[in-house]
PDB file of N, CA and C in Angstrom:
ATOM      1  N   MET A   1     -69.296  31.208   0.677  1.00  0.00           N
ATOM      2  CA  MET A   1     -70.048  29.993   0.891  1.00  0.00           C
ATOM      3  C   MET A   1     -70.251  29.298  -0.453  1.00  0.00           C
ATOM      4  N   LEU A   2     -70.164  27.995  -0.455  1.00  0.00           N
ATOM      5  CA  LEU A   2     -70.433  27.199  -1.649  1.00  0.00           C
ATOM      6  C   LEU A   2     -71.850  27.468  -2.126  1.00  0.00           C
ATOM      7  N   THR A   3     -72.002  27.673  -3.414  1.00  0.00           N
ATOM      8  CA  THR A   3     -73.320  27.805  -4.027  1.00  0.00           C
ATOM      9  C   THR A   3     -73.687  26.453  -4.604  1.00  0.00           C
ATOM     10  N   VAL A   4     -74.881  25.971  -4.277  1.00  0.00           N
ATOM     11  CA  VAL A   4     -75.352  24.685  -4.803  1.00  0.00           C
ATOM     12  C   VAL A   4     -76.671  24.935  -5.521  1.00  0.00           C
ATOM     13  N   THR A   5     -76.714  24.601  -6.797  1.00  0.00           N
ATOM     14  CA  THR A   5     -77.914  24.837  -7.584  1.00  0.00           C
ATOM     15  C   THR A   5     -78.977  23.780  -7.269  1.00  0.00           C
ATOM     16  N   GLU A   6     -80.215  24.109  -7.592  1.00  0.00           N
ATOM     17  CA  GLU A   6     -81.314  23.165  -7.380  1.00  0.00           C
ATOM     18  C   GLU A   6     -81.107  21.859  -8.149  1.00  0.00           C
ATOM     19  N   PRO A   7     -80.673  21.899  -9.424  1.00  0.00           N
ATOM     20  CA  PRO A   7     -80.412  20.635 -10.120  1.00  0.00           C
ATOM     21  C   PRO A   7     -79.340  19.784  -9.423  1.00  0.00           C
ATOM     22  N   ALA A   8     -78.327  20.434  -8.844  1.00  0.00           N
ATOM     23  CA  ALA A   8     -77.294  19.682  -8.126  1.00  0.00           C
ATOM     24  C   ALA A   8     -77.869  19.053  -6.864  1.00  0.00           C
ATOM     25  N   LEU A   9     -78.719  19.783  -6.136  1.00  0.00           N
ATOM     26  CA  LEU A   9     -79.356  19.213  -4.942  1.00  0.00           C
ATOM     27  C   LEU A   9     -80.215  18.007  -5.314  1.00  0.00           C
ATOM     28  N   GLU A  10     -80.943  18.099  -6.419  1.00  0.00           N
ATOM     29  CA  GLU A  10     -81.764  16.972  -6.879  1.00  0.00           C
ATOM     30  C   GLU A  10     -80.886  15.767  -7.223  1.00  0.00           C
ATOM     31  N   ARG A  11     -79.770  16.014  -7.881  1.00  0.00           N
ATOM     32  CA  ARG A  11     -78.839  14.933  -8.254  1.00  0.00           C
ATOM     33  C   ARG A  11     -78.272  14.269  -7.010  1.00  0.00           C
ATOM     34  N   LEU A  12     -77.904  15.058  -6.003  1.00  0.00           N
ATOM     35  CA  LEU A  12     -77.398  14.501  -4.745  1.00  0.00           C
ATOM     36  C   LEU A  12     -78.467  13.650  -4.063  1.00  0.00           C
ATOM     37  N   ALA A  13     -79.712  14.132  -4.051  1.00  0.00           N
ATOM     38  CA  ALA A  13     -80.805  13.382  -3.434  1.00  0.00           C
ATOM     39  C   ALA A  13     -81.003  12.043  -4.146  1.00  0.00           C
ATOM     40  N   ARG A  14     -80.955  12.046  -5.477  1.00  0.00           N
ATOM     41  CA  ARG A  14     -81.096  10.788  -6.232  1.00  0.00           C
ATOM     42  C   ARG A  14     -79.950   9.831  -5.917  1.00  0.00           C
ATOM     43  N   ARG A  15     -78.748  10.373  -5.757  1.00  0.00           N
ATOM     44  CA  ARG A  15     -77.596   9.520  -5.427  1.00  0.00           C
ATOM     45  C   ARG A  15     -77.794   8.849  -4.073  1.00  0.00           C
ATOM     46  N   LEU A  16     -78.327   9.595  -3.103  1.00  0.00           N
ATOM     47  CA  LEU A  16     -78.590   9.006  -1.784  1.00  0.00           C
ATOM     48  C   LEU A  16     -79.629   7.892  -1.878  1.00  0.00           C
ATOM     49  N   VAL A  17     -80.659   8.094  -2.664  1.00  0.00           N
ATOM     50  CA  VAL A  17     -81.681   7.055  -2.850  1.00  0.00           C
ATOM     51  C   VAL A  17     -81.051   5.829  -3.502  1.00  0.00           C
ATOM     52  N   ARG A  18     -80.262   6.039  -4.536  1.00  0.00           N
ATOM     53  CA  ARG A  18     -79.611   4.925  -5.238  1.00  0.00           C
ATOM     54  C   ARG A  18     -78.696   4.124  -4.311  1.00  0.00           C
ATOM     55  N   LYS A  19     -78.044   4.824  -3.385  1.00  0.00           N
ATOM     56  CA  LYS A  19     -77.147   4.148  -2.443  1.00  0.00           C
ATOM     57  C   LYS A  19     -77.889   3.578  -1.231  1.00  0.00           C
ATOM     58  N   GLU A  20     -79.225   3.775  -1.215  1.00  0.00           N
ATOM     59  CA  GLU A  20     -80.067   3.308  -0.114  1.00  0.00           C
ATOM     60  C   GLU A  20     -79.577   3.823   1.233  1.00  0.00           C
ATOM     61  N   ALA A  21     -79.154   5.097   1.244  1.00  0.00           N
ATOM     62  CA  ALA A  21     -78.653   5.742   2.462  1.00  0.00           C
ATOM     63  C   ALA A  21     -79.812   6.046   3.401  1.00  0.00           C
ATOM     64  N   GLY A  22     -79.602   5.848   4.680  1.00  0.00           N
ATOM     65  CA  GLY A  22     -80.609   6.170   5.686  1.00  0.00           C
ATOM     66  C   GLY A  22     -80.888   7.662   5.724  1.00  0.00           C
ATOM     67  N   ASP A  23     -82.004   8.038   6.335  1.00  0.00           N
ATOM     68  CA  ASP A  23     -82.398   9.445   6.408  1.00  0.00           C
ATOM     69  C   ASP A  23     -81.408  10.302   7.192  1.00  0.00           C
ATOM     70  N   ASP A  24     -80.592   9.681   8.038  1.00  0.00           N
ATOM     71  CA  ASP A  24     -79.627  10.428   8.843  1.00  0.00           C
ATOM     72  C   ASP A  24     -78.248  10.505   8.183  1.00  0.00           C
ATOM     73  N   VAL A  25     -78.161  10.107   6.913  1.00  0.00           N
ATOM     74  CA  VAL A  25     -76.896  10.089   6.184  1.00  0.00           C
ATOM     75  C   VAL A  25     -76.991  11.053   5.001  1.00  0.00           C
ATOM     76  N   ALA A  26     -75.903  11.769   4.748  1.00  0.00           N
ATOM     77  CA  ALA A  26     -75.821  12.687   3.602  1.00  0.00           C
ATOM     78  C   ALA A  26     -74.461  12.490   2.938  1.00  0.00           C
ATOM     79  N   LEU A  27     -74.241  13.192   1.871  1.00  0.00           N
ATOM     80  CA  LEU A  27     -72.941  13.158   1.191  1.00  0.00           C
ATOM     81  C   LEU A  27     -72.074  14.284   1.737  1.00  0.00           C
ATOM     82  N   ARG A  28     -70.793  13.989   1.904  1.00  0.00           N
ATOM     83  CA  ARG A  28     -69.840  14.972   2.438  1.00  0.00           C
ATOM     84  C   ARG A  28     -68.690  15.128   1.458  1.00  0.00           C
ATOM     85  N   PHE A  29     -68.364  16.393   1.131  1.00  0.00           N
ATOM     86  CA  PHE A  29     -67.175  16.661   0.334  1.00  0.00           C
ATOM     87  C   PHE A  29     -65.942  16.493   1.200  1.00  0.00           C
ATOM     88  N   MET A  30     -64.955  15.796   0.645  1.00  0.00           N
ATOM     89  CA  MET A  30     -63.664  15.632   1.303  1.00  0.00           C
ATOM     90  C   MET A  30     -62.579  15.884   0.273  1.00  0.00           C
ATOM     91  N   ARG A  31     -61.485  16.479   0.725  1.00  0.00           N
ATOM     92  CA  ARG A  31     -60.342  16.767  -0.156  1.00  0.00           C
ATOM     93  C   ARG A  31     -59.550  15.481  -0.335  1.00  0.00           C
ATOM     94  N   ARG A  32     -59.160  15.221  -1.562  1.00  0.00           N
ATOM     95  CA  ARG A  32     -58.263  14.111  -1.838  1.00  0.00           C
ATOM     96  C   ARG A  32     -57.247  14.595  -2.853  1.00  0.00           C
ATOM     97  N   GLU A  33     -56.205  13.839  -3.052  1.00  0.00           N
ATOM     98  CA  GLU A  33     -55.191  14.237  -4.010  1.00  0.00           C
ATOM     99  C   GLU A  33     -55.834  14.415  -5.383  1.00  0.00           C
ATOM    100  N   GLY A  34     -55.660  15.573  -5.957  1.00  0.00           N
ATOM    101  CA  GLY A  34     -56.202  15.842  -7.276  1.00  0.00           C
ATOM    102  C   GLY A  34     -57.587  16.442  -7.286  1.00  0.00           C
ATOM    103  N   GLY A  35     -58.214  16.648  -6.133  1.00  0.00           N
ATOM    104  CA  GLY A  35     -59.531  17.279  -6.151  1.00  0.00           C
ATOM    105  C   GLY A  35     -60.405  16.916  -4.976  1.00  0.00           C
ATOM    106  N   TRP A  36     -61.687  16.835  -5.246  1.00  0.00           N
ATOM    107  CA  TRP A  36     -62.687  16.600  -4.217  1.00  0.00           C
ATOM    108  C   TRP A  36     -63.425  15.297  -4.494  1.00  0.00           C
ATOM    109  N   THR A  37     -63.905  14.670  -3.440  1.00  0.00           N
ATOM    110  CA  THR A  37     -64.696  13.461  -3.572  1.00  0.00           C
ATOM    111  C   THR A  37     -65.867  13.522  -2.602  1.00  0.00           C
ATOM    112  N   LEU A  38     -66.908  12.781  -2.884  1.00  0.00           N
ATOM    113  CA  LEU A  38     -68.087  12.716  -2.022  1.00  0.00           C
ATOM    114  C   LEU A  38     -68.141  11.371  -1.327  1.00  0.00           C
ATOM    115  N   HIS A  39     -68.416  11.391  -0.021  1.00  0.00           N
ATOM    116  CA  HIS A  39     -68.556  10.170   0.777  1.00  0.00           C
ATOM    117  C   HIS A  39     -69.830  10.258   1.598  1.00  0.00           C
ATOM    118  N   LEU A  40     -70.429   9.117   1.877  1.00  0.00           N
ATOM    119  CA  LEU A  40     -71.571   9.080   2.793  1.00  0.00           C
ATOM    120  C   LEU A  40     -71.070   9.338   4.199  1.00  0.00           C
ATOM    121  N   ASP A  41     -71.829  10.132   4.967  1.00  0.00           N
ATOM    122  CA  ASP A  41     -71.405  10.451   6.330  1.00  0.00           C
ATOM    123  C   ASP A  41     -72.603  10.968   7.126  1.00  0.00           C
ATOM    124  N   HIS A  42     -72.426  11.026   8.431  1.00  0.00           N
ATOM    125  CA  HIS A  42     -73.419  11.604   9.335  1.00  0.00           C
ATOM    126  C   HIS A  42     -73.022  13.038   9.656  1.00  0.00           C
ATOM    127  N   GLU A  43     -74.000  13.852   9.957  1.00  0.00           N
ATOM    128  CA  GLU A  43     -73.744  15.249  10.299  1.00  0.00           C
ATOM    129  C   GLU A  43     -72.991  15.341  11.614  1.00  0.00           C
ATOM    130  N   SER A  44     -72.042  16.269  11.671  1.00  0.00           N
ATOM    131  CA  SER A  44     -71.264  16.535  12.882  1.00  0.00           C
ATOM    132  C   SER A  44     -71.516  17.973  13.318  1.00  0.00           C
ATOM    133  N   ALA A  45     -71.214  18.258  14.571  1.00  0.00           N
ATOM    134  CA  ALA A  45     -71.353  19.621  15.083  1.00  0.00           C
ATOM    135  C   ALA A  45     -70.503  20.560  14.235  1.00  0.00           C
ATOM    136  N   GLY A  46     -71.056  21.704  13.887  1.00  0.00           N
ATOM    137  CA  GLY A  46     -70.343  22.697  13.106  1.00  0.00           C
ATOM    138  C   GLY A  46     -70.456  22.529  11.603  1.00  0.00           C
ATOM    139  N   ASP A  47     -71.089  21.456  11.146  1.00  0.00           N
ATOM    140  CA  ASP A  47     -71.248  21.243   9.706  1.00  0.00           C
ATOM    141  C   ASP A  47     -72.222  22.238   9.100  1.00  0.00           C
ATOM    142  N   MET A  48     -71.977  22.578   7.841  1.00  0.00           N
ATOM    143  CA  MET A  48     -72.948  23.307   7.037  1.00  0.00           C
ATOM    144  C   MET A  48     -73.708  22.230   6.266  1.00  0.00           C
ATOM    145  N   ALA A  49     -75.027  22.310   6.272  1.00  0.00           N
ATOM    146  CA  ALA A  49     -75.835  21.302   5.594  1.00  0.00           C
ATOM    147  C   ALA A  49     -76.693  21.949   4.520  1.00  0.00           C
ATOM    148  N   PHE A  50     -76.799  21.280   3.381  1.00  0.00           N
ATOM    149  CA  PHE A  50     -77.673  21.693   2.286  1.00  0.00           C
ATOM    150  C   PHE A  50     -78.787  20.662   2.189  1.00  0.00           C
ATOM    151  N   THR A  51     -80.018  21.131   2.011  1.00  0.00           N
ATOM    152  CA  THR A  51     -81.160  20.228   2.011  1.00  0.00           C
ATOM    153  C   THR A  51     -81.898  20.274   0.677  1.00  0.00           C
ATOM    154  N   HIS A  52     -82.615  19.186   0.429  1.00  0.00           N
ATOM    155  CA  HIS A  52     -83.504  19.085  -0.726  1.00  0.00           C
ATOM    156  C   HIS A  52     -84.757  18.360  -0.274  1.00  0.00           C
ATOM    157  N   ASP A  53     -85.910  18.984  -0.453  1.00  0.00           N
ATOM    158  CA  ASP A  53     -87.197  18.406  -0.025  1.00  0.00           C
ATOM    159  C   ASP A  53     -87.160  17.951   1.436  1.00  0.00           C
ATOM    160  N   GLY A  54     -86.530  18.767   2.296  1.00  0.00           N
ATOM    161  CA  GLY A  54     -86.507  18.489   3.724  1.00  0.00           C
ATOM    162  C   GLY A  54     -85.458  17.498   4.178  1.00  0.00           C
ATOM    163  N   ARG A  55     -84.686  16.949   3.265  1.00  0.00           N
ATOM    164  CA  ARG A  55     -83.648  15.987   3.621  1.00  0.00           C
ATOM    165  C   ARG A  55     -82.274  16.611   3.429  1.00  0.00           C
ATOM    166  N   LYS A  56     -81.391  16.407   4.395  1.00  0.00           N
ATOM    167  CA  LYS A  56     -80.013  16.871   4.248  1.00  0.00           C
ATOM    168  C   LYS A  56     -79.332  15.978   3.217  1.00  0.00           C
ATOM    169  N   VAL A  57     -78.769  16.618   2.190  1.00  0.00           N
ATOM    170  CA  VAL A  57     -78.138  15.859   1.117  1.00  0.00           C
ATOM    171  C   VAL A  57     -76.639  16.121   0.997  1.00  0.00           C
ATOM    172  N   LEU A  58     -76.153  17.258   1.535  1.00  0.00           N
ATOM    173  CA  LEU A  58     -74.748  17.601   1.411  1.00  0.00           C
ATOM    174  C   LEU A  58     -74.255  18.233   2.705  1.00  0.00           C
ATOM    175  N   LEU A  59     -73.088  17.779   3.157  1.00  0.00           N
ATOM    176  CA  LEU A  59     -72.468  18.284   4.379  1.00  0.00           C
ATOM    177  C   LEU A  59     -71.075  18.831   4.061  1.00  0.00           C
ATOM    178  N   LEU A  60     -70.731  19.933   4.717  1.00  0.00           N
ATOM    179  CA  LEU A  60     -69.389  20.504   4.621  1.00  0.00           C
ATOM    180  C   LEU A  60     -68.916  20.831   6.024  1.00  0.00           C
ATOM    181  N   ASP A  61     -67.696  20.403   6.365  1.00  0.00           N
ATOM    182  CA  ASP A  61     -67.154  20.850   7.644  1.00  0.00           C
ATOM    183  C   ASP A  61     -66.611  22.261   7.451  1.00  0.00           C
ATOM    184  N   GLU A  62     -66.163  22.884   8.533  1.00  0.00           N
ATOM    185  CA  GLU A  62     -65.741  24.291   8.466  1.00  0.00           C
ATOM    186  C   GLU A  62     -64.592  24.512   7.489  1.00  0.00           C
ATOM    187  N   ALA A  63     -63.592  23.622   7.500  1.00  0.00           N
ATOM    188  CA  ALA A  63     -62.432  23.792   6.625  1.00  0.00           C
ATOM    189  C   ALA A  63     -62.827  23.664   5.159  1.00  0.00           C
ATOM    190  N   VAL A  64     -63.649  22.696   4.842  1.00  0.00           N
ATOM    191  CA  VAL A  64     -64.094  22.505   3.460  1.00  0.00           C
ATOM    192  C   VAL A  64     -64.980  23.679   3.029  1.00  0.00           C
ATOM    193  N   SER A  65     -65.820  24.131   3.930  1.00  0.00           N
ATOM    194  CA  SER A  65     -66.681  25.276   3.626  1.00  0.00           C
ATOM    195  C   SER A  65     -65.848  26.503   3.257  1.00  0.00           C
ATOM    196  N   ARG A  66     -64.787  26.748   4.001  1.00  0.00           N
ATOM    197  CA  ARG A  66     -63.895  27.884   3.687  1.00  0.00           C
ATOM    198  C   ARG A  66     -63.197  27.665   2.341  1.00  0.00           C
ATOM    199  N   ALA A  67     -62.735  26.440   2.089  1.00  0.00           N
ATOM    200  CA  ALA A  67     -62.010  26.148   0.852  1.00  0.00           C
ATOM    201  C   ALA A  67     -62.906  26.258  -0.377  1.00  0.00           C
ATOM    202  N   MET A  68     -64.207  26.041  -0.197  1.00  0.00           N
ATOM    203  CA  MET A  68     -65.145  26.072  -1.318  1.00  0.00           C
ATOM    204  C   MET A  68     -65.947  27.369  -1.369  1.00  0.00           C
ATOM    205  N   ALA A  69     -65.512  28.384  -0.658  1.00  0.00           N
ATOM    206  CA  ALA A  69     -66.282  29.622  -0.531  1.00  0.00           C
ATOM    207  C   ALA A  69     -66.573  30.289  -1.868  1.00  0.00           C
ATOM    208  N   ASP A  70     -65.702  30.146  -2.835  1.00  0.00           N
ATOM    209  CA  ASP A  70     -65.911  30.802  -4.131  1.00  0.00           C
ATOM    210  C   ASP A  70     -66.215  29.786  -5.231  1.00  0.00           C
ATOM    211  N   MET A  71     -66.904  28.702  -4.871  1.00  0.00           N
ATOM    212  CA  MET A  71     -67.198  27.653  -5.834  1.00  0.00           C
ATOM    213  C   MET A  71     -68.707  27.438  -5.973  1.00  0.00           C
ATOM    214  N   THR A  72     -69.082  26.803  -7.073  1.00  0.00           N
ATOM    215  CA  THR A  72     -70.475  26.444  -7.338  1.00  0.00           C
ATOM    216  C   THR A  72     -70.539  24.969  -7.707  1.00  0.00           C
ATOM    217  N   LEU A  73     -71.529  24.281  -7.143  1.00  0.00           N
ATOM    218  CA  LEU A  73     -71.819  22.894  -7.519  1.00  0.00           C
ATOM    219  C   LEU A  73     -73.079  22.929  -8.369  1.00  0.00           C
ATOM    220  N   ASP A  74     -72.961  22.453  -9.583  1.00  0.00           N
ATOM    221  CA  ASP A  74     -74.067  22.453 -10.531  1.00  0.00           C
ATOM    222  C   ASP A  74     -74.064  21.106 -11.239  1.00  0.00           C
ATOM    223  N   THR A  75     -74.876  20.980 -12.279  1.00  0.00           N
ATOM    224  CA  THR A  75     -74.880  19.764 -13.090  1.00  0.00           C
ATOM    225  C   THR A  75     -74.549  20.135 -14.528  1.00  0.00           C
ATOM    226  N   ARG A  76     -74.112  19.142 -15.278  1.00  0.00           N
ATOM    227  CA  ARG A  76     -73.890  19.313 -16.714  1.00  0.00           C
ATOM    228  C   ARG A  76     -74.331  18.030 -17.388  1.00  0.00           C
ATOM    229  N   LYS A  77     -74.750  18.146 -18.606  1.00  0.00           N
ATOM    230  CA  LYS A  77     -75.189  16.981 -19.367  1.00  0.00           C
ATOM    231  C   LYS A  77     -73.984  16.167 -19.801  1.00  0.00           C
ATOM    232  N   SER A  78     -74.104  14.853 -19.653  1.00  0.00           N
ATOM    233  CA  SER A  78     -73.074  13.927 -20.111  1.00  0.00           C
ATOM    234  C   SER A  78     -73.810  12.754 -20.745  1.00  0.00           C
ATOM    235  N   GLY A  79     -73.946  12.809 -22.048  1.00  0.00           N
ATOM    236  CA  GLY A  79     -74.769  11.802 -22.712  1.00  0.00           C
ATOM    237  C   GLY A  79     -76.223  12.021 -22.349  1.00  0.00           C
ATOM    238  N   ARG A  80     -76.884  10.989 -21.887  1.00  0.00           N
ATOM    239  CA  ARG A  80     -78.290  11.107 -21.486  1.00  0.00           C
ATOM    240  C   ARG A  80     -78.449  11.496 -20.031  1.00  0.00           C
ATOM    241  N   ARG A  81     -77.379  11.465 -19.274  1.00  0.00           N
ATOM    242  CA  ARG A  81     -77.445  11.736 -17.830  1.00  0.00           C
ATOM    243  C   ARG A  81     -76.855  13.099 -17.504  1.00  0.00           C
ATOM    244  N   SER A  82     -77.177  13.548 -16.306  1.00  0.00           N
ATOM    245  CA  SER A  82     -76.523  14.752 -15.806  1.00  0.00           C
ATOM    246  C   SER A  82     -75.480  14.319 -14.785  1.00  0.00           C
ATOM    247  N   ARG A  83     -74.399  15.058 -14.736  1.00  0.00           N
ATOM    248  CA  ARG A  83     -73.322  14.792 -13.786  1.00  0.00           C
ATOM    249  C   ARG A  83     -73.090  16.041 -12.963  1.00  0.00           C
ATOM    250  N   LEU A  84     -72.536  15.870 -11.776  1.00  0.00           N
ATOM    251  CA  LEU A  84     -72.192  17.020 -10.945  1.00  0.00           C
ATOM    252  C   LEU A  84     -70.974  17.716 -11.515  1.00  0.00           C
ATOM    253  N   LYS A  85     -70.975  19.037 -11.409  1.00  0.00           N
ATOM    254  CA  LYS A  85     -69.871  19.859 -11.888  1.00  0.00           C
ATOM    255  C   LYS A  85     -69.523  20.852 -10.790  1.00  0.00           C
ATOM    256  N   LEU A  86     -68.291  20.819 -10.309  1.00  0.00           N
ATOM    257  CA  LEU A  86     -67.809  21.740  -9.295  1.00  0.00           C
ATOM    258  C   LEU A  86     -66.833  22.689  -9.970  1.00  0.00           C
ATOM    259  N   CYS A  87     -67.082  23.981  -9.847  1.00  0.00           N
ATOM    260  CA  CYS A  87     -66.210  24.948 -10.516  1.00  0.00           C
ATOM    261  C   CYS A  87     -66.031  26.198  -9.653  1.00  0.00           C
ATOM    262  N   HIS A  88     -64.945  26.909  -9.932  1.00  0.00           N
ATOM    263  CA  HIS A  88     -64.732  28.208  -9.309  1.00  0.00           C
ATOM    264  C   HIS A  88     -65.693  29.183  -9.979  1.00  0.00           C
ATOM    265  N   ASN A  89     -66.285  30.060  -9.208  1.00  0.00           N
ATOM    266  CA  ASN A  89     -67.312  30.954  -9.724  1.00  0.00           C
ATOM    267  C   ASN A  89     -66.881  31.728 -10.965  1.00  0.00           C
ATOM    268  N   GLU A  90     -65.644  32.181 -11.012  1.00  0.00           N
ATOM    269  CA  GLU A  90     -65.205  32.965 -12.164  1.00  0.00           C
ATOM    270  C   GLU A  90     -65.017  32.105 -13.402  1.00  0.00           C
ATOM    271  N   ARG A  91     -65.015  30.771 -13.274  1.00  0.00           N
ATOM    272  CA  ARG A  91     -64.818  29.894 -14.418  1.00  0.00           C
ATOM    273  C   ARG A  91     -65.983  28.947 -14.659  1.00  0.00           C
ATOM    274  N   CYS A  92     -67.125  29.199 -14.062  1.00  0.00           N
ATOM    275  CA  CYS A  92     -68.241  28.263 -14.186  1.00  0.00           C
ATOM    276  C   CYS A  92     -68.855  28.248 -15.580  1.00  0.00           C
ATOM    277  N   GLY A  93     -68.689  29.268 -16.341  1.00  0.00           N
ATOM    278  CA  GLY A  93     -69.261  29.294 -17.679  1.00  0.00           C
ATOM    279  C   GLY A  93     -68.438  28.523 -18.694  1.00  0.00           C
ATOM    280  N   ASP A  94     -67.254  28.062 -18.317  1.00  0.00           N
ATOM    281  CA  ASP A  94     -66.367  27.355 -19.263  1.00  0.00           C
ATOM    282  C   ASP A  94     -66.942  26.024 -19.671  1.00  0.00           C
TER     283      ASP A  94
END
């Protein structure tokens, strides 16, 4: 299962606020050429949902959940801001 750190959940929640997303909308990881991307979406049956302060902030369908089973979503400093960082568990310290 994807591991999502508390700082990453907070960052996702702030992104939803910035995008003025409704309470029934969360971010969903989707595979694209060259990696992963986040899109606004509604929860579907079978989704895995991650919450922050009672709000769903991240959704994964079954296929994405399996593909990300050995990954961690965290944050890293980039200048004055923090950015999301997705890494394989064995390489997260890099």
